[in-house]
Amino acid sequence: RIRYCIDDEATFPGQKDMKIGWNFIGLTELHLMPLDYVLYDAYWATGQPNLIGYSRVVSPLLNGDYWSYQRVENLQMVPFMEPTEGYWVFMINPGMLGGFSSTPIVEFEVPLPLGPLQ
């Protein structure tokens, strides 16, 4: 049986504390987004416009296509982040990552028919 369905009412976007060191994030949007757009809020440390926030982002091999992005001004193409995949972000200083929109998950049960599937 299916235990959860997604509600169609959007809620306030979430936020994530990005601590010094490695942080694991994922993209909940249903389309590709450029890395610099997704991590815009964490570019600088929270409340410190002169302190670097993140320095590196890694897409692990588990995503199917390994890549590593170093934060260097205008020296490389910015990769796209894909929906439903996870990424490691290394923070030099703590920051706050703001989300986009999120949809609440509400519990809802749908009984499946008994017997063999055809």
C-alpha atoms as a PDB file:
ATOM      1  CA  ARG A   1       0.000   0.000   0.000  1.00  0.00           C
ATOM      2  CA  ILE A   2       1.039   3.570  -0.577  1.00  0.00           C
ATOM      3  CA  ARG A   3       1.639   5.397   2.699  1.00  0.00           C
ATOM      4  CA  TYR A   4       2.135   9.010   1.594  1.00  0.00           C
ATOM      5  CA  CYS A   5       0.782  11.423  -0.964  1.00  0.00           C
ATOM      6  CA  ILE A   6       1.957  14.945  -1.682  1.00  0.00           C
ATOM      7  CA  ASP A   7      -0.424  17.776  -0.847  1.00  0.00           C
ATOM      8  CA  ASP A   8      -0.903  20.362  -3.594  1.00  0.00           C
ATOM      9  CA  GLU A   9      -0.737  23.384  -1.264  1.00  0.00           C
ATOM     10  CA  ALA A  10       2.670  25.070  -1.237  1.00  0.00           C
ATOM     11  CA  THR A  11       4.102  26.072   2.132  1.00  0.00           C
ATOM     12  CA  PHE A  12       6.838  28.436   3.223  1.00  0.00           C
ATOM     13  CA  PRO A  13      10.253  27.434   1.878  1.00  0.00           C
ATOM     14  CA  GLY A  14      12.573  25.641   4.243  1.00  0.00           C
ATOM     15  CA  GLN A  15      16.029  26.641   5.369  1.00  0.00           C
ATOM     16  CA  LYS A  16      19.113  24.709   6.388  1.00  0.00           C
ATOM     17  CA  ASP A  17      21.920  25.678   8.744  1.00  0.00           C
ATOM     18  CA  MET A  18      25.167  25.093   6.885  1.00  0.00           C
ATOM     19  CA  LYS A  19      27.843  24.290   9.456  1.00  0.00           C
ATOM     20  CA  ILE A  20      31.611  24.513   8.958  1.00  0.00           C
ATOM     21  CA  GLY A  21      32.727  21.375   7.136  1.00  0.00           C
ATOM     22  CA  TRP A  22      30.738  19.010   4.933  1.00  0.00           C
ATOM     23  CA  ASN A  23      26.958  19.423   4.576  1.00  0.00           C
ATOM     24  CA  PHE A  24      24.689  17.151   2.539  1.00  0.00           C
ATOM     25  CA  ILE A  25      21.947  18.846   0.526  1.00  0.00           C
ATOM     26  CA  GLY A  26      19.445  17.863  -2.126  1.00  0.00           C
ATOM     27  CA  LEU A  27      17.405  19.665  -4.731  1.00  0.00           C
ATOM     28  CA  THR A  28      13.642  19.329  -4.347  1.00  0.00           C
ATOM     29  CA  GLU A  29      12.716  21.253  -7.479  1.00  0.00           C
ATOM     30  CA  LEU A  30      11.637  19.092 -10.410  1.00  0.00           C
ATOM     31  CA  HIS A  31      14.028  20.668 -12.910  1.00  0.00           C
ATOM     32  CA  LEU A  32      17.747  21.317 -13.308  1.00  0.00           C
ATOM     33  CA  MET A  33      19.109  24.393 -11.550  1.00  0.00           C
ATOM     34  CA  PRO A  34      22.568  25.996 -11.795  1.00  0.00           C
ATOM     35  CA  LEU A  35      24.700  25.385  -8.713  1.00  0.00           C
ATOM     36  CA  ASP A  36      25.375  29.079  -8.091  1.00  0.00           C
ATOM     37  CA  TYR A  37      21.618  29.762  -8.035  1.00  0.00           C
ATOM     38  CA  VAL A  38      20.874  26.898  -5.623  1.00  0.00           C
ATOM     39  CA  LEU A  39      23.698  27.928  -3.258  1.00  0.00           C
ATOM     40  CA  TYR A  40      23.247  31.689  -3.595  1.00  0.00           C
ATOM     41  CA  ASP A  41      22.451  32.192   0.111  1.00  0.00           C
ATOM     42  CA  ALA A  42      25.533  30.231   1.200  1.00  0.00           C
ATOM     43  CA  TYR A  43      27.949  32.104  -1.089  1.00  0.00           C
ATOM     44  CA  TRP A  44      28.932  34.311   1.857  1.00  0.00           C
ATOM     45  CA  ALA A  45      28.857  33.424   5.551  1.00  0.00           C
ATOM     46  CA  THR A  46      25.628  34.422   7.300  1.00  0.00           C
ATOM     47  CA  GLY A  47      25.760  38.102   8.253  1.00  0.00           C
ATOM     48  CA  GLN A  48      29.366  38.408   7.056  1.00  0.00           C
ATOM     49  CA  PRO A  49      29.520  39.747   3.478  1.00  0.00           C
ATOM     50  CA  ASN A  50      33.327  39.486   3.377  1.00  0.00           C
ATOM     51  CA  LEU A  51      33.649  35.891   4.612  1.00  0.00           C
ATOM     52  CA  ILE A  52      33.408  33.023   2.140  1.00  0.00           C
ATOM     53  CA  GLY A  53      30.556  30.598   2.744  1.00  0.00           C
ATOM     54  CA  TYR A  54      31.046  27.467   0.645  1.00  0.00           C
ATOM     55  CA  SER A  55      34.293  26.560  -1.121  1.00  0.00           C
ATOM     56  CA  ARG A  56      33.531  23.279  -2.866  1.00  0.00           C
ATOM     57  CA  VAL A  57      30.620  21.137  -4.041  1.00  0.00           C
ATOM     58  CA  VAL A  58      30.850  17.436  -4.901  1.00  0.00           C
ATOM     59  CA  SER A  59      28.365  15.346  -6.842  1.00  0.00           C
ATOM     60  CA  PRO A  60      29.171  11.799  -5.681  1.00  0.00           C
ATOM     61  CA  LEU A  61      29.498   8.878  -8.078  1.00  0.00           C
ATOM     62  CA  LEU A  62      26.258   7.510  -6.638  1.00  0.00           C
ATOM     63  CA  ASN A  63      24.467  10.232  -8.651  1.00  0.00           C
ATOM     64  CA  GLY A  64      25.751   8.556 -11.823  1.00  0.00           C
ATOM     65  CA  ASP A  65      28.029  11.379 -12.923  1.00  0.00           C
ATOM     66  CA  TYR A  66      30.801  12.405 -10.512  1.00  0.00           C
ATOM     67  CA  TRP A  67      31.953  16.018 -10.574  1.00  0.00           C
ATOM     68  CA  SER A  68      33.622  18.452  -8.205  1.00  0.00           C
ATOM     69  CA  TYR A  69      33.200  22.230  -8.327  1.00  0.00           C
ATOM     70  CA  GLN A  70      35.736  24.594  -6.758  1.00  0.00           C
ATOM     71  CA  ARG A  71      34.548  28.107  -6.019  1.00  0.00           C
ATOM     72  CA  VAL A  72      36.815  30.157  -8.290  1.00  0.00           C
ATOM     73  CA  GLU A  73      35.599  33.397  -9.849  1.00  0.00           C
ATOM     74  CA  ASN A  74      34.773  33.042 -13.565  1.00  0.00           C
ATOM     75  CA  LEU A  75      37.333  30.308 -14.277  1.00  0.00           C
ATOM     76  CA  GLN A  76      35.013  27.387 -14.852  1.00  0.00           C
ATOM     77  CA  MET A  77      31.535  26.579 -16.043  1.00  0.00           C
ATOM     78  CA  VAL A  78      28.962  26.264 -13.282  1.00  0.00           C
ATOM     79  CA  PRO A  79      27.415  22.765 -13.214  1.00  0.00           C
ATOM     80  CA  PHE A  80      23.717  22.106 -12.905  1.00  0.00           C
ATOM     81  CA  MET A  81      22.191  20.331  -9.931  1.00  0.00           C
ATOM     82  CA  GLU A  82      19.597  17.684 -10.686  1.00  0.00           C
ATOM     83  CA  PRO A  83      16.360  16.960  -8.840  1.00  0.00           C
ATOM     84  CA  THR A  84      16.296  14.085  -6.337  1.00  0.00           C
ATOM     85  CA  GLU A  85      20.106  13.843  -6.186  1.00  0.00           C
ATOM     86  CA  GLY A  86      22.323  14.605  -3.186  1.00  0.00           C
ATOM     87  CA  TYR A  87      25.392  16.850  -3.091  1.00  0.00           C
ATOM     88  CA  TRP A  88      28.181  17.472  -0.583  1.00  0.00           C
ATOM     89  CA  VAL A  89      28.901  21.152   0.129  1.00  0.00           C
ATOM     90  CA  PHE A  90      32.023  22.189   2.055  1.00  0.00           C
ATOM     91  CA  MET A  91      31.551  25.339   4.155  1.00  0.00           C
ATOM     92  CA  ILE A  92      34.558  27.446   5.208  1.00  0.00           C
ATOM     93  CA  ASN A  93      32.331  29.537   7.494  1.00  0.00           C
ATOM     94  CA  PRO A  94      28.804  28.829   8.760  1.00  0.00           C
ATOM     95  CA  GLY A  95      25.878  29.983   6.665  1.00  0.00           C
ATOM     96  CA  MET A  96      22.191  29.580   6.022  1.00  0.00           C
ATOM     97  CA  LEU A  97      20.802  28.005   2.872  1.00  0.00           C
ATOM     98  CA  GLY A  98      17.309  29.157   1.963  1.00  0.00           C
ATOM     99  CA  GLY A  99      14.989  26.786   0.151  1.00  0.00           C
ATOM    100  CA  PHE A 100      12.626  27.501  -2.691  1.00  0.00           C
ATOM    101  CA  SER A 101       9.135  26.101  -2.276  1.00  0.00           C
ATOM    102  CA  SER A 102       8.171  22.946  -0.502  1.00  0.00           C
ATOM    103  CA  THR A 103       5.043  20.886  -0.434  1.00  0.00           C
ATOM    104  CA  PRO A 104       3.965  19.174   2.766  1.00  0.00           C
ATOM    105  CA  ILE A 105       3.645  15.423   2.809  1.00  0.00           C
ATOM    106  CA  VAL A 106       0.476  14.187   4.446  1.00  0.00           C
ATOM    107  CA  GLU A 107      -0.240  10.614   5.418  1.00  0.00           C
ATOM    108  CA  PHE A 108      -2.760   8.946   3.143  1.00  0.00           C
ATOM    109  CA  GLU A 109      -3.310   5.235   2.650  1.00  0.00           C
ATOM    110  CA  VAL A 110      -4.398   3.628  -0.595  1.00  0.00           C
ATOM    111  CA  PRO A 111      -5.055  -0.107  -0.292  1.00  0.00           C
ATOM    112  CA  LEU A 112      -3.610  -2.184  -3.114  1.00  0.00           C
ATOM    113  CA  PRO A 113      -5.526  -5.142  -4.528  1.00  0.00           C
ATOM    114  CA  LEU A 114      -4.685  -8.541  -3.063  1.00  0.00           C
ATOM    115  CA  GLY A 115      -3.348 -11.327  -5.223  1.00  0.00           C
ATOM    116  CA  PRO A 116      -0.704 -11.572  -7.943  1.00  0.00           C
ATOM    117  CA  LEU A 117       0.047  -8.572 -10.114  1.00  0.00           C
ATOM    118  CA  GLN A 118      -0.788  -9.014 -13.787  1.00  0.00           C
END
